[in-house]
N, C-alpha and C. Protein backbone atom coordinates (compact mmCIF):
# COMPACT_ATOMS: atom_id res chain seq x y z
N MET A 1 61.75 53.44 140.29
CA MET A 1 63.08 53.39 139.75
C MET A 1 63.93 54.42 140.50
N LYS A 2 65.14 54.01 140.88
CA LYS A 2 66.05 54.90 141.58
C LYS A 2 67.17 55.31 140.63
N VAL A 3 67.42 56.61 140.55
CA VAL A 3 68.48 57.14 139.70
C VAL A 3 69.59 57.65 140.60
N THR A 4 70.82 57.23 140.34
CA THR A 4 71.95 57.70 141.13
C THR A 4 73.04 58.25 140.22
N ASN A 5 73.81 59.16 140.76
CA ASN A 5 74.96 59.69 140.05
C ASN A 5 76.20 58.95 140.50
N ASN A 6 77.06 58.63 139.57
CA ASN A 6 78.33 58.00 139.90
C ASN A 6 79.40 59.08 139.99
N SER A 7 80.18 59.03 141.04
CA SER A 7 81.27 59.98 141.19
C SER A 7 82.59 59.25 141.02
N TYR A 8 83.50 59.86 140.32
CA TYR A 8 84.80 59.26 140.10
C TYR A 8 85.88 59.97 140.90
N ARG A 9 85.48 60.74 141.90
CA ARG A 9 86.43 61.46 142.73
C ARG A 9 87.23 60.48 143.57
N GLN A 10 88.50 60.81 143.76
CA GLN A 10 89.39 59.99 144.58
C GLN A 10 89.99 60.87 145.66
N LEU A 11 90.17 60.30 146.83
CA LEU A 11 90.78 61.02 147.94
C LEU A 11 92.25 61.30 147.64
N GLN A 12 92.98 60.28 147.24
CA GLN A 12 94.42 60.40 147.01
C GLN A 12 94.67 60.87 145.58
N LEU A 13 95.48 61.94 145.46
CA LEU A 13 95.72 62.52 144.14
C LEU A 13 97.13 62.33 143.64
N GLY A 14 98.00 61.71 144.40
CA GLY A 14 99.33 61.41 143.89
C GLY A 14 100.45 61.98 144.73
N ASN A 15 101.66 61.45 144.47
CA ASN A 15 102.86 61.84 145.21
C ASN A 15 102.67 61.68 146.72
N ASN A 16 102.05 60.59 147.10
CA ASN A 16 101.70 60.40 148.50
C ASN A 16 102.68 59.47 149.21
N ASP A 17 102.87 59.73 150.50
CA ASP A 17 103.65 58.87 151.38
C ASP A 17 102.73 58.37 152.48
N PHE A 18 102.94 57.12 152.87
CA PHE A 18 102.07 56.48 153.85
C PHE A 18 102.90 55.95 155.01
N GLN A 19 102.23 55.72 156.13
CA GLN A 19 102.87 55.14 157.29
C GLN A 19 101.88 54.20 157.96
N SER A 20 102.37 53.06 158.45
CA SER A 20 101.53 52.14 159.21
C SER A 20 101.49 52.62 160.65
N VAL A 21 100.28 52.81 161.18
CA VAL A 21 100.10 53.37 162.52
C VAL A 21 98.97 52.64 163.24
N LEU A 22 98.76 52.97 164.51
CA LEU A 22 97.59 52.52 165.25
C LEU A 22 96.56 53.64 165.26
N ILE A 23 95.31 53.30 164.93
CA ILE A 23 94.20 54.26 164.94
C ILE A 23 93.28 53.88 166.08
N SER A 24 93.07 54.81 167.01
CA SER A 24 92.21 54.52 168.15
C SER A 24 90.94 55.36 168.09
N GLY A 25 89.96 54.96 168.87
CA GLY A 25 88.68 55.66 168.92
C GLY A 25 87.56 54.66 169.07
N THR A 26 86.36 55.10 168.76
CA THR A 26 85.20 54.21 168.80
C THR A 26 84.45 54.34 167.49
N GLY A 27 83.93 53.24 167.00
CA GLY A 27 83.16 53.25 165.77
C GLY A 27 84.03 53.29 164.53
N VAL A 28 83.40 53.63 163.42
CA VAL A 28 84.08 53.63 162.13
C VAL A 28 84.71 55.00 161.88
N VAL A 29 85.98 54.99 161.52
CA VAL A 29 86.68 56.19 161.07
C VAL A 29 86.68 56.13 159.55
N LYS A 30 86.01 57.10 158.91
CA LYS A 30 85.84 57.07 157.46
C LYS A 30 87.12 57.48 156.74
N ALA A 31 87.28 56.95 155.54
CA ALA A 31 88.37 57.41 154.67
C ALA A 31 88.21 58.90 154.46
N GLY A 32 89.31 59.64 154.56
CA GLY A 32 89.27 61.09 154.42
C GLY A 32 89.25 61.82 155.75
N THR A 33 89.08 61.08 156.84
CA THR A 33 89.06 61.71 158.16
C THR A 33 90.46 62.20 158.52
N ILE A 34 90.54 63.44 158.98
CA ILE A 34 91.81 63.98 159.44
C ILE A 34 92.09 63.40 160.83
N LEU A 35 93.30 62.87 160.99
CA LEU A 35 93.69 62.22 162.24
C LEU A 35 94.77 63.04 162.93
N ALA A 36 94.73 63.05 164.26
CA ALA A 36 95.74 63.74 165.06
C ALA A 36 96.51 62.71 165.87
N TYR A 37 97.81 62.97 166.07
CA TYR A 37 98.69 62.05 166.78
C TYR A 37 98.81 62.45 168.24
N ALA A 38 98.63 61.49 169.13
CA ALA A 38 98.81 61.71 170.56
C ALA A 38 98.99 60.37 171.24
N SER A 39 99.89 60.30 172.19
CA SER A 39 100.11 59.10 173.01
C SER A 39 100.39 57.86 172.18
N GLY A 40 101.14 58.01 171.10
CA GLY A 40 101.55 56.87 170.30
C GLY A 40 100.51 56.35 169.33
N LYS A 41 99.33 57.02 169.22
CA LYS A 41 98.27 56.56 168.32
C LYS A 41 97.66 57.77 167.61
N TYR A 42 97.00 57.49 166.50
CA TYR A 42 96.23 58.51 165.80
C TYR A 42 94.76 58.31 166.13
N SER A 43 94.01 59.40 166.21
CA SER A 43 92.56 59.33 166.38
C SER A 43 91.94 60.49 165.61
N ALA A 44 90.62 60.43 165.39
CA ALA A 44 89.93 61.47 164.63
C ALA A 44 90.18 62.82 165.29
N ALA A 45 90.64 63.78 164.49
CA ALA A 45 90.99 65.10 165.00
C ALA A 45 89.74 65.94 165.26
N THR A 46 89.88 66.85 166.20
CA THR A 46 88.87 67.88 166.45
C THR A 46 89.53 69.23 166.15
N ALA A 47 88.76 70.29 166.21
CA ALA A 47 89.30 71.62 165.94
C ALA A 47 90.44 71.97 166.91
N GLU A 48 90.42 71.41 168.11
CA GLU A 48 91.46 71.69 169.10
C GLU A 48 92.76 70.93 168.81
N ASP A 49 92.71 69.93 167.93
CA ASP A 49 93.87 69.08 167.65
C ASP A 49 94.72 69.55 166.47
N LEU A 50 94.37 70.66 165.85
CA LEU A 50 95.00 71.02 164.58
C LEU A 50 96.46 71.44 164.71
N GLU A 51 96.96 71.66 165.92
CA GLU A 51 98.37 71.99 166.12
C GLU A 51 99.23 70.74 166.29
N LYS A 52 98.60 69.57 166.43
CA LYS A 52 99.32 68.31 166.59
C LYS A 52 99.74 67.79 165.21
N PRO A 53 100.66 66.81 165.18
CA PRO A 53 100.96 66.16 163.89
C PRO A 53 99.69 65.52 163.32
N LEU A 54 99.45 65.71 162.03
CA LEU A 54 98.22 65.23 161.39
C LEU A 54 98.53 64.21 160.30
N ALA A 55 97.51 63.40 160.00
CA ALA A 55 97.55 62.45 158.90
C ALA A 55 96.12 62.34 158.36
N VAL A 56 95.94 61.63 157.26
CA VAL A 56 94.61 61.42 156.69
C VAL A 56 94.37 59.92 156.58
N CYS A 57 93.23 59.48 157.09
CA CYS A 57 92.84 58.08 157.01
C CYS A 57 92.49 57.76 155.55
N VAL A 58 93.04 56.68 155.00
CA VAL A 58 92.79 56.36 153.59
C VAL A 58 91.83 55.19 153.40
N ASN A 59 91.47 54.51 154.47
CA ASN A 59 90.52 53.40 154.41
C ASN A 59 89.48 53.59 155.50
N ASP A 60 88.29 53.03 155.32
CA ASP A 60 87.34 52.98 156.43
C ASP A 60 87.88 52.00 157.45
N VAL A 61 87.97 52.43 158.72
CA VAL A 61 88.57 51.62 159.77
C VAL A 61 87.62 51.56 160.95
N THR A 62 87.38 50.36 161.49
CA THR A 62 86.62 50.24 162.72
C THR A 62 87.61 50.33 163.87
N ALA A 63 87.64 51.50 164.50
CA ALA A 63 88.63 51.79 165.53
C ALA A 63 88.25 51.19 166.87
N SER A 64 89.25 51.02 167.73
CA SER A 64 89.02 50.55 169.10
C SER A 64 89.93 51.35 170.02
N SER A 65 89.67 51.30 171.31
CA SER A 65 90.49 52.06 172.26
C SER A 65 91.92 51.53 172.30
N ALA A 66 92.10 50.25 172.01
CA ALA A 66 93.44 49.66 171.99
C ALA A 66 94.21 50.06 170.74
N GLY A 67 93.50 50.42 169.69
CA GLY A 67 94.13 50.81 168.44
C GLY A 67 94.08 49.70 167.40
N VAL A 68 93.85 50.09 166.17
CA VAL A 68 93.79 49.16 165.04
C VAL A 68 94.87 49.58 164.05
N ALA A 69 95.67 48.64 163.60
CA ALA A 69 96.75 48.96 162.66
C ALA A 69 96.19 49.22 161.27
N ASP A 70 96.65 50.30 160.65
CA ASP A 70 96.28 50.61 159.28
C ASP A 70 97.28 51.63 158.73
N ARG A 71 97.22 51.84 157.41
CA ARG A 71 98.09 52.84 156.78
C ARG A 71 97.35 54.17 156.71
N VAL A 72 98.09 55.25 156.96
CA VAL A 72 97.55 56.59 156.84
C VAL A 72 98.45 57.40 155.90
N LEU A 73 97.87 58.42 155.30
CA LEU A 73 98.62 59.31 154.42
C LEU A 73 99.30 60.37 155.28
N ILE A 74 100.63 60.47 155.15
CA ILE A 74 101.37 61.44 155.96
C ILE A 74 101.92 62.60 155.14
N SER A 75 101.92 62.48 153.82
CA SER A 75 102.28 63.61 152.95
C SER A 75 101.79 63.33 151.55
N GLY A 76 101.59 64.39 150.78
CA GLY A 76 101.13 64.26 149.41
C GLY A 76 99.92 65.13 149.13
N ARG A 77 99.18 64.77 148.09
CA ARG A 77 98.02 65.55 147.65
C ARG A 77 96.74 64.76 147.85
N VAL A 78 95.71 65.46 148.35
CA VAL A 78 94.39 64.85 148.56
C VAL A 78 93.31 65.79 148.02
N ASP A 79 92.15 65.25 147.74
CA ASP A 79 90.98 66.03 147.35
C ASP A 79 90.42 66.65 148.62
N GLY A 80 90.57 67.96 148.78
CA GLY A 80 90.12 68.64 149.99
C GLY A 80 88.63 68.49 150.26
N GLY A 81 87.83 68.33 149.22
CA GLY A 81 86.39 68.16 149.40
C GLY A 81 86.00 66.81 149.95
N LEU A 82 86.95 65.87 150.00
CA LEU A 82 86.68 64.54 150.55
C LEU A 82 87.33 64.34 151.92
N CYS A 83 87.83 65.43 152.51
CA CYS A 83 88.44 65.36 153.84
C CYS A 83 87.41 65.76 154.89
N PHE A 84 87.48 65.12 156.06
CA PHE A 84 86.50 65.35 157.12
C PHE A 84 87.20 65.70 158.43
N LEU A 85 86.59 66.60 159.17
CA LEU A 85 86.99 66.90 160.54
C LEU A 85 85.82 66.47 161.39
N GLY A 86 85.96 65.32 162.05
CA GLY A 86 84.82 64.72 162.73
C GLY A 86 83.85 64.18 161.69
N ASP A 87 82.57 64.53 161.81
CA ASP A 87 81.55 64.06 160.87
C ASP A 87 81.26 65.07 159.76
N ALA A 88 81.91 66.23 159.80
CA ALA A 88 81.62 67.28 158.83
C ALA A 88 82.77 67.43 157.84
N VAL A 89 82.47 68.04 156.70
CA VAL A 89 83.51 68.34 155.73
C VAL A 89 84.53 69.26 156.40
N ALA A 90 85.79 69.04 156.12
CA ALA A 90 86.86 69.79 156.78
C ALA A 90 86.74 71.29 156.53
N THR A 91 86.99 72.05 157.58
CA THR A 91 86.96 73.51 157.50
C THR A 91 88.23 74.03 156.84
N ASP A 92 88.23 75.30 156.49
CA ASP A 92 89.43 75.91 155.92
C ASP A 92 90.60 75.83 156.90
N ALA A 93 90.32 76.02 158.19
CA ALA A 93 91.38 75.93 159.19
C ALA A 93 91.99 74.54 159.22
N ALA A 94 91.16 73.51 159.08
CA ALA A 94 91.67 72.13 159.08
C ALA A 94 92.49 71.86 157.83
N LEU A 95 92.03 72.36 156.68
CA LEU A 95 92.79 72.16 155.44
C LEU A 95 94.11 72.91 155.49
N ASN A 96 94.13 74.09 156.08
CA ASN A 96 95.39 74.83 156.25
C ASN A 96 96.33 74.10 157.19
N ALA A 97 95.80 73.46 158.22
CA ALA A 97 96.63 72.69 159.14
C ALA A 97 97.26 71.49 158.42
N LEU A 98 96.53 70.89 157.48
CA LEU A 98 97.11 69.80 156.69
C LEU A 98 98.31 70.28 155.90
N ARG A 99 98.22 71.48 155.34
CA ARG A 99 99.34 72.03 154.56
C ARG A 99 100.60 72.14 155.42
N LYS A 100 100.45 72.49 156.69
CA LYS A 100 101.59 72.59 157.60
C LYS A 100 102.22 71.22 157.86
N ASN A 101 101.49 70.16 157.55
CA ASN A 101 101.97 68.79 157.74
C ASN A 101 102.32 68.11 156.43
N SER A 102 102.60 68.89 155.39
CA SER A 102 103.01 68.38 154.07
C SER A 102 101.91 67.59 153.36
N ILE A 103 100.67 67.84 153.73
CA ILE A 103 99.53 67.23 153.03
C ILE A 103 98.80 68.38 152.33
N ILE A 104 98.74 68.32 151.01
CA ILE A 104 98.20 69.44 150.24
C ILE A 104 96.78 69.12 149.78
N PRO A 105 95.78 69.78 150.37
CA PRO A 105 94.41 69.57 149.91
C PRO A 105 94.17 70.40 148.64
N VAL A 106 93.68 69.75 147.62
CA VAL A 106 93.45 70.37 146.32
C VAL A 106 91.96 70.45 146.08
N THR A 107 91.51 71.57 145.49
CA THR A 107 90.11 71.69 145.10
C THR A 107 89.93 70.99 143.77
N VAL A 108 89.03 70.02 143.72
CA VAL A 108 88.80 69.23 142.51
C VAL A 108 87.38 69.44 142.05
N LYS A 109 87.22 69.77 140.79
CA LYS A 109 85.88 69.89 140.19
C LYS A 109 85.74 68.78 139.17
N GLN A 110 84.76 67.93 139.38
CA GLN A 110 84.54 66.81 138.46
C GLN A 110 83.65 67.28 137.34
N VAL A 111 84.23 67.59 136.19
CA VAL A 111 83.47 68.14 135.08
C VAL A 111 82.65 67.08 134.35
N GLY A 112 83.00 65.82 134.50
CA GLY A 112 82.27 64.77 133.80
C GLY A 112 81.08 64.21 134.55
N GLN A 113 80.81 64.72 135.76
CA GLN A 113 79.71 64.18 136.56
C GLN A 113 78.38 64.71 136.05
N LEU A 114 77.46 63.80 135.83
CA LEU A 114 76.12 64.19 135.35
C LEU A 114 75.23 64.47 136.55
N ASP A 115 74.37 65.45 136.41
CA ASP A 115 73.39 65.73 137.43
C ASP A 115 72.02 65.43 136.82
N ASN A 116 71.59 64.18 136.98
CA ASN A 116 70.36 63.74 136.32
C ASN A 116 69.23 63.51 137.30
N GLN A 117 69.31 64.14 138.46
CA GLN A 117 68.24 63.91 139.44
C GLN A 117 67.37 65.13 139.59
C-alpha cells in the first residue's frame, strides 16, 4: 500500500497580471520556473540572468528553440517555495530579483497538511 500526502499549495496567490509571450529552450519548463527575457523571448533563468526582466512560468510548457506561446506571470504574489531557478528551488537572490520585477514571493506554511509517512 502506498501512502501519499496531498498538498493544497498554489503557485499563484492573487492580484496577478499575466502576459502572453514566447518561451524558448529545450525540454519541459515547469510551472514556477523563473524566466528571463532576452532577444524577444523568455527562457529559464540562471543566476547570471537575475538583472534581466523576469517573469514566472504558470504552466508546464514543452519549450522549443523557436519558442512556444504561453502566458506568464509578470506581477503579483506567488508562493516563493514553489518557485524554481533552473532545477532547484529558487535562492534568496532569485526571490529578491523577483521583487524588483513587481513579483512578490510569499512564504506560505500549509498548516492543514498531514505528515502521515
